[in-house]
PDB file of N, CA and C in Angstrom:
ATOM      1  N   MET A   1     -79.285  38.752 -20.746  1.00  0.00           N
ATOM      2  CA  MET A   1     -78.432  39.177 -19.654  1.00  0.00           C
ATOM      3  C   MET A   1     -78.981  38.568 -18.378  1.00  0.00           C
ATOM      4  N   ASN A   2     -78.149  37.864 -17.646  1.00  0.00           N
ATOM      5  CA  ASN A   2     -78.575  37.202 -16.423  1.00  0.00           C
ATOM      6  C   ASN A   2     -78.173  37.999 -15.188  1.00  0.00           C
ATOM      7  N   ILE A   3     -78.362  39.284 -15.248  1.00  0.00           N
ATOM      8  CA  ILE A   3     -77.997  40.159 -14.153  1.00  0.00           C
ATOM      9  C   ILE A   3     -79.051  41.257 -14.086  1.00  0.00           C
ATOM     10  N   ARG A   4     -79.368  41.677 -12.887  1.00  0.00           N
ATOM     11  CA  ARG A   4     -80.337  42.765 -12.731  1.00  0.00           C
ATOM     12  C   ARG A   4     -79.755  44.063 -13.259  1.00  0.00           C
ATOM     13  N   GLN A   5     -80.615  44.939 -13.742  1.00  0.00           N
ATOM     14  CA  GLN A   5     -80.173  46.212 -14.315  1.00  0.00           C
ATOM     15  C   GLN A   5     -79.347  47.006 -13.308  1.00  0.00           C
ATOM     16  N   GLU A   6     -79.789  47.066 -12.071  1.00  0.00           N
ATOM     17  CA  GLU A   6     -79.069  47.835 -11.053  1.00  0.00           C
ATOM     18  C   GLU A   6     -77.660  47.279 -10.836  1.00  0.00           C
ATOM     19  N   GLU A   7     -77.521  45.962 -10.779  1.00  0.00           N
ATOM     20  CA  GLU A   7     -76.204  45.340 -10.609  1.00  0.00           C
ATOM     21  C   GLU A   7     -75.311  45.648 -11.804  1.00  0.00           C
ATOM     22  N   PHE A   8     -75.889  45.576 -13.005  1.00  0.00           N
ATOM     23  CA  PHE A   8     -75.133  45.885 -14.214  1.00  0.00           C
ATOM     24  C   PHE A   8     -74.654  47.326 -14.179  1.00  0.00           C
ATOM     25  N   GLU A   9     -75.541  48.240 -13.821  1.00  0.00           N
ATOM     26  CA  GLU A   9     -75.179  49.653 -13.789  1.00  0.00           C
ATOM     27  C   GLU A   9     -74.053  49.917 -12.796  1.00  0.00           C
ATOM     28  N   VAL A  10     -74.099  49.275 -11.654  1.00  0.00           N
ATOM     29  CA  VAL A  10     -73.039  49.438 -10.659  1.00  0.00           C
ATOM     30  C   VAL A  10     -71.706  48.935 -11.220  1.00  0.00           C
ATOM     31  N   LEU A  11     -71.716  47.788 -11.881  1.00  0.00           N
ATOM     32  CA  LEU A  11     -70.497  47.252 -12.505  1.00  0.00           C
ATOM     33  C   LEU A  11     -69.968  48.199 -13.576  1.00  0.00           C
ATOM     34  N   ALA A  12     -70.862  48.670 -14.434  1.00  0.00           N
ATOM     35  CA  ALA A  12     -70.455  49.559 -15.518  1.00  0.00           C
ATOM     36  C   ALA A  12     -69.870  50.856 -14.970  1.00  0.00           C
ATOM     37  N   LEU A  13     -70.515  51.432 -13.988  1.00  0.00           N
ATOM     38  CA  LEU A  13     -70.035  52.699 -13.442  1.00  0.00           C
ATOM     39  C   LEU A  13     -68.731  52.531 -12.671  1.00  0.00           C
ATOM     40  N   ALA A  14     -68.522  51.366 -12.074  1.00  0.00           N
ATOM     41  CA  ALA A  14     -67.232  51.097 -11.427  1.00  0.00           C
ATOM     42  C   ALA A  14     -66.119  51.125 -12.474  1.00  0.00           C
ATOM     43  N   ALA A  15     -66.390  50.556 -13.640  1.00  0.00           N
ATOM     44  CA  ALA A  15     -65.395  50.575 -14.719  1.00  0.00           C
ATOM     45  C   ALA A  15     -65.205  51.991 -15.246  1.00  0.00           C
ATOM     46  N   VAL A  16     -66.293  52.729 -15.398  1.00  0.00           N
ATOM     47  CA  VAL A  16     -66.207  54.113 -15.865  1.00  0.00           C
ATOM     48  C   VAL A  16     -65.345  54.935 -14.908  1.00  0.00           C
ATOM     49  N   SER A  17     -65.475  54.677 -13.627  1.00  0.00           N
ATOM     50  CA  SER A  17     -64.709  55.452 -12.640  1.00  0.00           C
ATOM     51  C   SER A  17     -63.203  55.215 -12.756  1.00  0.00           C
ATOM     52  N   GLU A  18     -62.815  54.154 -13.438  1.00  0.00           N
ATOM     53  CA  GLU A  18     -61.391  53.832 -13.620  1.00  0.00           C
ATOM     54  C   GLU A  18     -60.768  54.510 -14.841  1.00  0.00           C
ATOM     55  N   ILE A  19     -61.580  55.109 -15.700  1.00  0.00           N
ATOM     56  CA  ILE A  19     -61.035  55.768 -16.899  1.00  0.00           C
ATOM     57  C   ILE A  19     -60.160  56.928 -16.445  1.00  0.00           C
ATOM     58  N   PRO A  20     -58.893  56.935 -16.835  1.00  0.00           N
ATOM     59  CA  PRO A  20     -57.986  57.991 -16.372  1.00  0.00           C
ATOM     60  C   PRO A  20     -58.342  59.369 -16.933  1.00  0.00           C
ATOM     61  N   TYR A  21     -57.991  60.376 -16.187  1.00  0.00           N
ATOM     62  CA  TYR A  21     -58.126  61.767 -16.616  1.00  0.00           C
ATOM     63  C   TYR A  21     -57.404  61.927 -17.953  1.00  0.00           C
ATOM     64  N   GLY A  22     -58.037  62.586 -18.899  1.00  0.00           N
ATOM     65  CA  GLY A  22     -57.426  62.814 -20.200  1.00  0.00           C
ATOM     66  C   GLY A  22     -57.556  61.666 -21.179  1.00  0.00           C
ATOM     67  N   LYS A  23     -58.355  60.659 -20.829  1.00  0.00           N
ATOM     68  CA  LYS A  23     -58.586  59.501 -21.703  1.00  0.00           C
ATOM     69  C   LYS A  23     -60.087  59.269 -21.835  1.00  0.00           C
ATOM     70  N   VAL A  24     -60.470  58.540 -22.869  1.00  0.00           N
ATOM     71  CA  VAL A  24     -61.867  58.138 -23.057  1.00  0.00           C
ATOM     72  C   VAL A  24     -61.929  56.634 -23.260  1.00  0.00           C
ATOM     73  N   ALA A  25     -63.107  56.089 -23.058  1.00  0.00           N
ATOM     74  CA  ALA A  25     -63.379  54.683 -23.356  1.00  0.00           C
ATOM     75  C   ALA A  25     -64.670  54.656 -24.164  1.00  0.00           C
ATOM     76  N   THR A  26     -64.875  53.574 -24.880  1.00  0.00           N
ATOM     77  CA  THR A  26     -66.120  53.415 -25.634  1.00  0.00           C
ATOM     78  C   THR A  26     -67.110  52.593 -24.804  1.00  0.00           C
ATOM     79  N   TYR A  27     -68.364  52.711 -25.180  1.00  0.00           N
ATOM     80  CA  TYR A  27     -69.393  51.927 -24.495  1.00  0.00           C
ATOM     81  C   TYR A  27     -69.083  50.432 -24.612  1.00  0.00           C
ATOM     82  N   SER A  28     -68.671  50.008 -25.797  1.00  0.00           N
ATOM     83  CA  SER A  28     -68.373  48.591 -25.992  1.00  0.00           C
ATOM     84  C   SER A  28     -67.139  48.161 -25.199  1.00  0.00           C
ATOM     85  N   GLN A  29     -66.185  49.049 -25.053  1.00  0.00           N
ATOM     86  CA  GLN A  29     -64.992  48.738 -24.260  1.00  0.00           C
ATOM     87  C   GLN A  29     -65.372  48.497 -22.797  1.00  0.00           C
ATOM     88  N   ILE A  30     -66.227  49.345 -22.264  1.00  0.00           N
ATOM     89  CA  ILE A  30     -66.675  49.173 -20.877  1.00  0.00           C
ATOM     90  C   ILE A  30     -67.469  47.877 -20.741  1.00  0.00           C
ATOM     91  N   ALA A  31     -68.353  47.613 -21.696  1.00  0.00           N
ATOM     92  CA  ALA A  31     -69.152  46.380 -21.652  1.00  0.00           C
ATOM     93  C   ALA A  31     -68.249  45.152 -21.645  1.00  0.00           C
ATOM     94  N   GLU A  32     -67.228  45.173 -22.474  1.00  0.00           N
ATOM     95  CA  GLU A  32     -66.295  44.050 -22.522  1.00  0.00           C
ATOM     96  C   GLU A  32     -65.519  43.912 -21.212  1.00  0.00           C
ATOM     97  N   LEU A  33     -65.089  45.024 -20.656  1.00  0.00           N
ATOM     98  CA  LEU A  33     -64.332  45.000 -19.397  1.00  0.00           C
ATOM     99  C   LEU A  33     -65.105  44.352 -18.259  1.00  0.00           C
ATOM    100  N   ILE A  34     -66.411  44.547 -18.239  1.00  0.00           N
ATOM    101  CA  ILE A  34     -67.205  44.008 -17.129  1.00  0.00           C
ATOM    102  C   ILE A  34     -67.811  42.640 -17.438  1.00  0.00           C
ATOM    103  N   GLY A  35     -67.452  42.094 -18.596  1.00  0.00           N
ATOM    104  CA  GLY A  35     -67.875  40.732 -18.915  1.00  0.00           C
ATOM    105  C   GLY A  35     -69.169  40.600 -19.680  1.00  0.00           C
ATOM    106  N   TYR A  36     -69.656  41.694 -20.248  1.00  0.00           N
ATOM    107  CA  TYR A  36     -70.882  41.676 -21.036  1.00  0.00           C
ATOM    108  C   TYR A  36     -70.638  42.360 -22.377  1.00  0.00           C
ATOM    109  N   PRO A  37     -69.828  41.732 -23.239  1.00  0.00           N
ATOM    110  CA  PRO A  37     -69.373  42.391 -24.465  1.00  0.00           C
ATOM    111  C   PRO A  37     -70.463  42.793 -25.454  1.00  0.00           C
ATOM    112  N   LYS A  38     -71.641  42.236 -25.340  1.00  0.00           N
ATOM    113  CA  LYS A  38     -72.715  42.581 -26.282  1.00  0.00           C
ATOM    114  C   LYS A  38     -73.709  43.586 -25.701  1.00  0.00           C
ATOM    115  N   HIS A  39     -73.317  44.260 -24.641  1.00  0.00           N
ATOM    116  CA  HIS A  39     -74.256  45.139 -23.947  1.00  0.00           C
ATOM    117  C   HIS A  39     -73.782  46.586 -23.872  1.00  0.00           C
ATOM    118  N   ALA A  40     -73.223  47.065 -24.961  1.00  0.00           N
ATOM    119  CA  ALA A  40     -72.751  48.451 -25.007  1.00  0.00           C
ATOM    120  C   ALA A  40     -73.894  49.439 -24.767  1.00  0.00           C
ATOM    121  N   ARG A  41     -75.058  49.152 -25.303  1.00  0.00           N
ATOM    122  CA  ARG A  41     -76.202  50.066 -25.104  1.00  0.00           C
ATOM    123  C   ARG A  41     -76.604  50.151 -23.639  1.00  0.00           C
ATOM    124  N   HIS A  42     -76.456  49.040 -22.935  1.00  0.00           N
ATOM    125  CA  HIS A  42     -76.765  49.058 -21.506  1.00  0.00           C
ATOM    126  C   HIS A  42     -75.761  49.923 -20.742  1.00  0.00           C
ATOM    127  N   VAL A  43     -74.532  49.962 -21.212  1.00  0.00           N
ATOM    128  CA  VAL A  43     -73.544  50.852 -20.603  1.00  0.00           C
ATOM    129  C   VAL A  43     -73.990  52.298 -20.792  1.00  0.00           C
ATOM    130  N   GLY A  44     -74.495  52.614 -21.962  1.00  0.00           N
ATOM    131  CA  GLY A  44     -75.027  53.951 -22.208  1.00  0.00           C
ATOM    132  C   GLY A  44     -76.155  54.292 -21.248  1.00  0.00           C
ATOM    133  N   ARG A  45     -77.013  53.338 -21.009  1.00  0.00           N
ATOM    134  CA  ARG A  45     -78.106  53.554 -20.064  1.00  0.00           C
ATOM    135  C   ARG A  45     -77.565  53.766 -18.654  1.00  0.00           C
ATOM    136  N   ALA A  46     -76.545  52.991 -18.284  1.00  0.00           N
ATOM    137  CA  ALA A  46     -75.933  53.159 -16.961  1.00  0.00           C
ATOM    138  C   ALA A  46     -75.349  54.558 -16.812  1.00  0.00           C
ATOM    139  N   CYS A  47     -74.718  55.045 -17.859  1.00  0.00           N
ATOM    140  CA  CYS A  47     -74.162  56.410 -17.812  1.00  0.00           C
ATOM    141  C   CYS A  47     -75.282  57.440 -17.684  1.00  0.00           C
ATOM    142  N   ALA A  48     -76.365  57.226 -18.398  1.00  0.00           N
ATOM    143  CA  ALA A  48     -77.496  58.155 -18.328  1.00  0.00           C
ATOM    144  C   ALA A  48     -78.118  58.167 -16.932  1.00  0.00           C
ATOM    145  N   ASN A  49     -78.040  57.031 -16.234  1.00  0.00           N
ATOM    146  CA  ASN A  49     -78.609  56.915 -14.887  1.00  0.00           C
ATOM    147  C   ASN A  49     -77.579  57.134 -13.784  1.00  0.00           C
ATOM    148  N   SER A  50     -76.383  57.536 -14.142  1.00  0.00           N
ATOM    149  CA  SER A  50     -75.289  57.608 -13.158  1.00  0.00           C
ATOM    150  C   SER A  50     -75.578  58.553 -12.001  1.00  0.00           C
ATOM    151  N   TRP A  51     -76.350  59.601 -12.243  1.00  0.00           N
ATOM    152  CA  TRP A  51     -76.686  60.556 -11.179  1.00  0.00           C
ATOM    153  C   TRP A  51     -77.326  59.864  -9.978  1.00  0.00           C
ATOM    154  N   TYR A  52     -77.999  58.752 -10.217  1.00  0.00           N
ATOM    155  CA  TYR A  52     -78.684  58.014  -9.145  1.00  0.00           C
ATOM    156  C   TYR A  52     -77.682  57.386  -8.177  1.00  0.00           C
ATOM    157  N   TYR A  53     -76.501  57.034  -8.684  1.00  0.00           N
ATOM    158  CA  TYR A  53     -75.508  56.319  -7.889  1.00  0.00           C
ATOM    159  C   TYR A  53     -74.409  57.219  -7.332  1.00  0.00           C
ATOM    160  N   GLY A  54     -74.235  58.392  -7.901  1.00  0.00           N
ATOM    161  CA  GLY A  54     -73.177  59.283  -7.437  1.00  0.00           C
ATOM    162  C   GLY A  54     -72.596  60.066  -8.596  1.00  0.00           C
ATOM    163  N   ASN A  55     -71.359  60.476  -8.425  1.00  0.00           N
ATOM    164  CA  ASN A  55     -70.691  61.305  -9.426  1.00  0.00           C
ATOM    165  C   ASN A  55     -69.653  60.460 -10.165  1.00  0.00           C
ATOM    166  N   TYR A  56     -69.875  60.228 -11.444  1.00  0.00           N
ATOM    167  CA  TYR A  56     -68.977  59.410 -12.255  1.00  0.00           C
ATOM    168  C   TYR A  56     -68.551  60.194 -13.488  1.00  0.00           C
ATOM    169  N   PRO A  57     -67.346  59.921 -14.003  1.00  0.00           N
ATOM    170  CA  PRO A  57     -66.856  60.656 -15.185  1.00  0.00           C
ATOM    171  C   PRO A  57     -67.412  60.109 -16.497  1.00  0.00           C
ATOM    172  N   CYS A  58     -68.723  60.079 -16.612  1.00  0.00           N
ATOM    173  CA  CYS A  58     -69.370  59.523 -17.805  1.00  0.00           C
ATOM    174  C   CYS A  58     -69.089  60.351 -19.052  1.00  0.00           C
ATOM    175  N   HIS A  59     -68.611  61.580 -18.873  1.00  0.00           N
ATOM    176  CA  HIS A  59     -68.247  62.389 -20.042  1.00  0.00           C
ATOM    177  C   HIS A  59     -67.076  61.759 -20.790  1.00  0.00           C
ATOM    178  N   ARG A  60     -66.368  60.836 -20.153  1.00  0.00           N
ATOM    179  CA  ARG A  60     -65.226  60.156 -20.776  1.00  0.00           C
ATOM    180  C   ARG A  60     -65.639  58.932 -21.582  1.00  0.00           C
ATOM    181  N   VAL A  61     -66.923  58.689 -21.735  1.00  0.00           N
ATOM    182  CA  VAL A  61     -67.405  57.533 -22.500  1.00  0.00           C
ATOM    183  C   VAL A  61     -68.031  58.047 -23.797  1.00  0.00           C
ATOM    184  N   VAL A  62     -67.562  57.486 -24.910  1.00  0.00           N
ATOM    185  CA  VAL A  62     -68.019  57.886 -26.243  1.00  0.00           C
ATOM    186  C   VAL A  62     -68.394  56.638 -27.034  1.00  0.00           C
ATOM    187  N   ASN A  63     -68.969  56.826 -28.206  1.00  0.00           N
ATOM    188  CA  ASN A  63     -69.316  55.643 -28.998  1.00  0.00           C
ATOM    189  C   ASN A  63     -68.075  55.124 -29.742  1.00  0.00           C
ATOM    190  N   ALA A  64     -68.248  54.063 -30.487  1.00  0.00           N
ATOM    191  CA  ALA A  64     -67.122  53.377 -31.128  1.00  0.00           C
ATOM    192  C   ALA A  64     -66.409  54.222 -32.179  1.00  0.00           C
ATOM    193  N   GLN A  65     -67.046  55.281 -32.643  1.00  0.00           N
ATOM    194  CA  GLN A  65     -66.409  56.187 -33.612  1.00  0.00           C
ATOM    195  C   GLN A  65     -65.823  57.421 -32.924  1.00  0.00           C
ATOM    196  N   GLY A  66     -65.992  57.505 -31.603  1.00  0.00           N
ATOM    197  CA  GLY A  66     -65.511  58.662 -30.858  1.00  0.00           C
ATOM    198  C   GLY A  66     -66.521  59.781 -30.782  1.00  0.00           C
ATOM    199  N   ARG A  67     -67.749  59.501 -31.201  1.00  0.00           N
ATOM    200  CA  ARG A  67     -68.800  60.514 -31.219  1.00  0.00           C
ATOM    201  C   ARG A  67     -69.324  60.772 -29.818  1.00  0.00           C
ATOM    202  N   LEU A  68     -69.651  62.035 -29.545  1.00  0.00           N
ATOM    203  CA  LEU A  68     -70.176  62.437 -28.251  1.00  0.00           C
ATOM    204  C   LEU A  68     -71.681  62.206 -28.184  1.00  0.00           C
ATOM    205  N   VAL A  69     -72.222  62.339 -26.977  1.00  0.00           N
ATOM    206  CA  VAL A  69     -73.653  62.165 -26.756  1.00  0.00           C
ATOM    207  C   VAL A  69     -74.402  63.363 -27.338  1.00  0.00           C
ATOM    208  N   ARG A  70     -75.379  63.091 -28.173  1.00  0.00           N
ATOM    209  CA  ARG A  70     -76.199  64.172 -28.745  1.00  0.00           C
ATOM    210  C   ARG A  70     -76.984  64.870 -27.641  1.00  0.00           C
ATOM    211  N   GLY A  71     -76.988  66.185 -27.705  1.00  0.00           N
ATOM    212  CA  GLY A  71     -77.765  66.957 -26.751  1.00  0.00           C
ATOM    213  C   GLY A  71     -77.080  67.208 -25.425  1.00  0.00           C
ATOM    214  N   TRP A  72     -75.877  66.673 -25.235  1.00  0.00           N
ATOM    215  CA  TRP A  72     -75.141  66.894 -23.980  1.00  0.00           C
ATOM    216  C   TRP A  72     -73.938  67.778 -24.305  1.00  0.00           C
ATOM    217  N   ASP A  73     -74.192  69.050 -24.470  1.00  0.00           N
ATOM    218  CA  ASP A  73     -73.163  70.001 -24.889  1.00  0.00           C
ATOM    219  C   ASP A  73     -72.022  70.114 -23.881  1.00  0.00           C
ATOM    220  N   GLU A  74     -72.317  69.892 -22.611  1.00  0.00           N
ATOM    221  CA  GLU A  74     -71.300  69.980 -21.568  1.00  0.00           C
ATOM    222  C   GLU A  74     -70.209  68.920 -21.742  1.00  0.00           C
ATOM    223  N   GLN A  75     -70.507  67.811 -22.393  1.00  0.00           N
ATOM    224  CA  GLN A  75     -69.529  66.740 -22.565  1.00  0.00           C
ATOM    225  C   GLN A  75     -68.296  67.254 -23.292  1.00  0.00           C
ATOM    226  N   LYS A  76     -68.488  68.000 -24.350  1.00  0.00           N
ATOM    227  CA  LYS A  76     -67.366  68.550 -25.113  1.00  0.00           C
ATOM    228  C   LYS A  76     -66.506  69.445 -24.228  1.00  0.00           C
ATOM    229  N   THR A  77     -67.131  70.301 -23.459  1.00  0.00           N
ATOM    230  CA  THR A  77     -66.408  71.207 -22.568  1.00  0.00           C
ATOM    231  C   THR A  77     -65.601  70.430 -21.538  1.00  0.00           C
ATOM    232  N   LEU A  78     -66.217  69.433 -20.934  1.00  0.00           N
ATOM    233  CA  LEU A  78     -65.528  68.628 -19.921  1.00  0.00           C
ATOM    234  C   LEU A  78     -64.322  67.902 -20.513  1.00  0.00           C
ATOM    235  N   LEU A  79     -64.471  67.360 -21.707  1.00  0.00           N
ATOM    236  CA  LEU A  79     -63.358  66.672 -22.359  1.00  0.00           C
ATOM    237  C   LEU A  79     -62.238  67.655 -22.701  1.00  0.00           C
ATOM    238  N   GLU A  80     -62.603  68.804 -23.240  1.00  0.00           N
ATOM    239  CA  GLU A  80     -61.588  69.798 -23.590  1.00  0.00           C
ATOM    240  C   GLU A  80     -60.837  70.285 -22.362  1.00  0.00           C
ATOM    241  N   GLU A  81     -61.514  70.386 -21.227  1.00  0.00           N
ATOM    242  CA  GLU A  81     -60.850  70.772 -19.981  1.00  0.00           C
ATOM    243  C   GLU A  81     -59.799  69.752 -19.561  1.00  0.00           C
ATOM    244  N   GLU A  82     -59.948  68.507 -20.011  1.00  0.00           N
ATOM    245  CA  GLU A  82     -58.979  67.455 -19.716  1.00  0.00           C
ATOM    246  C   GLU A  82     -57.932  67.320 -20.815  1.00  0.00           C
ATOM    247  N   GLY A  83     -57.978  68.198 -21.805  1.00  0.00           N
ATOM    248  CA  GLY A  83     -57.003  68.157 -22.891  1.00  0.00           C
ATOM    249  C   GLY A  83     -57.379  67.235 -24.030  1.00  0.00           C
ATOM    250  N   ILE A  84     -58.600  66.730 -24.024  1.00  0.00           N
ATOM    251  CA  ILE A  84     -59.075  65.847 -25.085  1.00  0.00           C
ATOM    252  C   ILE A  84     -59.704  66.718 -26.163  1.00  0.00           C
ATOM    253  N   LEU A  85     -59.068  66.759 -27.310  1.00  0.00           N
ATOM    254  CA  LEU A  85     -59.540  67.597 -28.397  1.00  0.00           C
ATOM    255  C   LEU A  85     -60.339  66.772 -29.397  1.00  0.00           C
ATOM    256  N   LEU A  86     -61.258  67.435 -30.067  1.00  0.00           N
ATOM    257  CA  LEU A  86     -62.076  66.757 -31.062  1.00  0.00           C
ATOM    258  C   LEU A  86     -61.521  67.005 -32.455  1.00  0.00           C
ATOM    259  N   ASN A  87     -61.712  66.020 -33.330  1.00  0.00           N
ATOM    260  CA  ASN A  87     -61.352  66.175 -34.744  1.00  0.00           C
ATOM    261  C   ASN A  87     -62.307  67.161 -35.396  1.00  0.00           C
ATOM    262  N   LYS A  88     -62.034  67.514 -36.629  1.00  0.00           N
ATOM    263  CA  LYS A  88     -62.904  68.430 -37.378  1.00  0.00           C
ATOM    264  C   LYS A  88     -64.326  67.894 -37.498  1.00  0.00           C
ATOM    265  N   ASN A  89     -64.468  66.572 -37.475  1.00  0.00           N
ATOM    266  CA  ASN A  89     -65.795  65.959 -37.588  1.00  0.00           C
ATOM    267  C   ASN A  89     -66.536  65.912 -36.249  1.00  0.00           C
ATOM    268  N   GLY A  90     -65.935  66.441 -35.184  1.00  0.00           N
ATOM    269  CA  GLY A  90     -66.581  66.487 -33.883  1.00  0.00           C
ATOM    270  C   GLY A  90     -66.403  65.246 -33.043  1.00  0.00           C
ATOM    271  N   CYS A  91     -65.553  64.326 -33.487  1.00  0.00           N
ATOM    272  CA  CYS A  91     -65.306  63.082 -32.762  1.00  0.00           C
ATOM    273  C   CYS A  91     -63.957  63.121 -32.058  1.00  0.00           C
ATOM    274  N   VAL A  92     -63.853  62.339 -30.992  1.00  0.00           N
ATOM    275  CA  VAL A  92     -62.587  62.165 -30.296  1.00  0.00           C
ATOM    276  C   VAL A  92     -61.691  61.264 -31.135  1.00  0.00           C
ATOM    277  N   ASP A  93     -60.413  61.591 -31.227  1.00  0.00           N
ATOM    278  CA  ASP A  93     -59.432  60.746 -31.914  1.00  0.00           C
ATOM    279  C   ASP A  93     -59.105  59.576 -30.980  1.00  0.00           C
ATOM    280  N   LEU A  94     -59.724  58.437 -31.228  1.00  0.00           N
ATOM    281  CA  LEU A  94     -59.550  57.281 -30.352  1.00  0.00           C
ATOM    282  C   LEU A  94     -58.124  56.743 -30.380  1.00  0.00           C
ATOM    283  N   LYS A  95     -57.427  56.893 -31.495  1.00  0.00           N
ATOM    284  CA  LYS A  95     -56.039  56.428 -31.561  1.00  0.00           C
ATOM    285  C   LYS A  95     -55.170  57.195 -30.574  1.00  0.00           C
ATOM    286  N   LYS A  96     -55.522  58.421 -30.328  1.00  0.00           N
ATOM    287  CA  LYS A  96     -54.725  59.276 -29.446  1.00  0.00           C
ATOM    288  C   LYS A  96     -55.230  59.273 -27.996  1.00  0.00           C
ATOM    289  N   PHE A  97     -56.550  59.242 -27.801  1.00  0.00           N
ATOM    290  CA  PHE A  97     -57.095  59.471 -26.473  1.00  0.00           C
ATOM    291  C   PHE A  97     -57.785  58.265 -25.817  1.00  0.00           C
ATOM    292  N   GLN A  98     -57.893  57.138 -26.534  1.00  0.00           N
ATOM    293  CA  GLN A  98     -58.595  55.994 -25.936  1.00  0.00           C
ATOM    294  C   GLN A  98     -57.760  55.359 -24.836  1.00  0.00           C
ATOM    295  N   TRP A  99     -58.424  55.035 -23.761  1.00  0.00           N
ATOM    296  CA  TRP A  99     -57.832  54.350 -22.620  1.00  0.00           C
ATOM    297  C   TRP A  99     -57.391  52.961 -23.043  1.00  0.00           C
ATOM    298  N   LYS A 100     -56.126  52.672 -22.848  1.00  0.00           N
ATOM    299  CA  LYS A 100     -55.586  51.344 -23.160  1.00  0.00           C
ATOM    300  C   LYS A 100     -55.683  50.488 -21.909  1.00  0.00           C
ATOM    301  N   THR A 101     -56.543  49.497 -21.952  1.00  0.00           N
ATOM    302  CA  THR A 101     -56.813  48.677 -20.759  1.00  0.00           C
ATOM    303  C   THR A 101     -55.970  47.416 -20.699  1.00  0.00           C
ATOM    304  N   SER A 102     -55.242  47.123 -21.751  1.00  0.00           N
ATOM    305  CA  SER A 102     -54.408  45.915 -21.713  1.00  0.00           C
ATOM    306  C   SER A 102     -53.047  46.164 -22.278  1.00  0.00           C
TER     307      SER A 102
END
């Protein structure tokens, strides 16, 4: 990656801030949107560090299977408050709730 971590995090969080209410995006989707398609894990790190930059809707970012962040119980509550329901397996139904960017 030819970009500083701080610059990457700012780019990633700018994209996260665009996720509409009631929708989710995946880490890889955000990475692709900002031009770094192989850096989904770095998007996760940016979300984990988001408190440093301000208030971002990082609860709307899930993994490629729709799985929530382990140990962040509030994420489920925040998603449900937006009408995003989880499947029986505890994952978001990406076919129904994923943000369509194109």
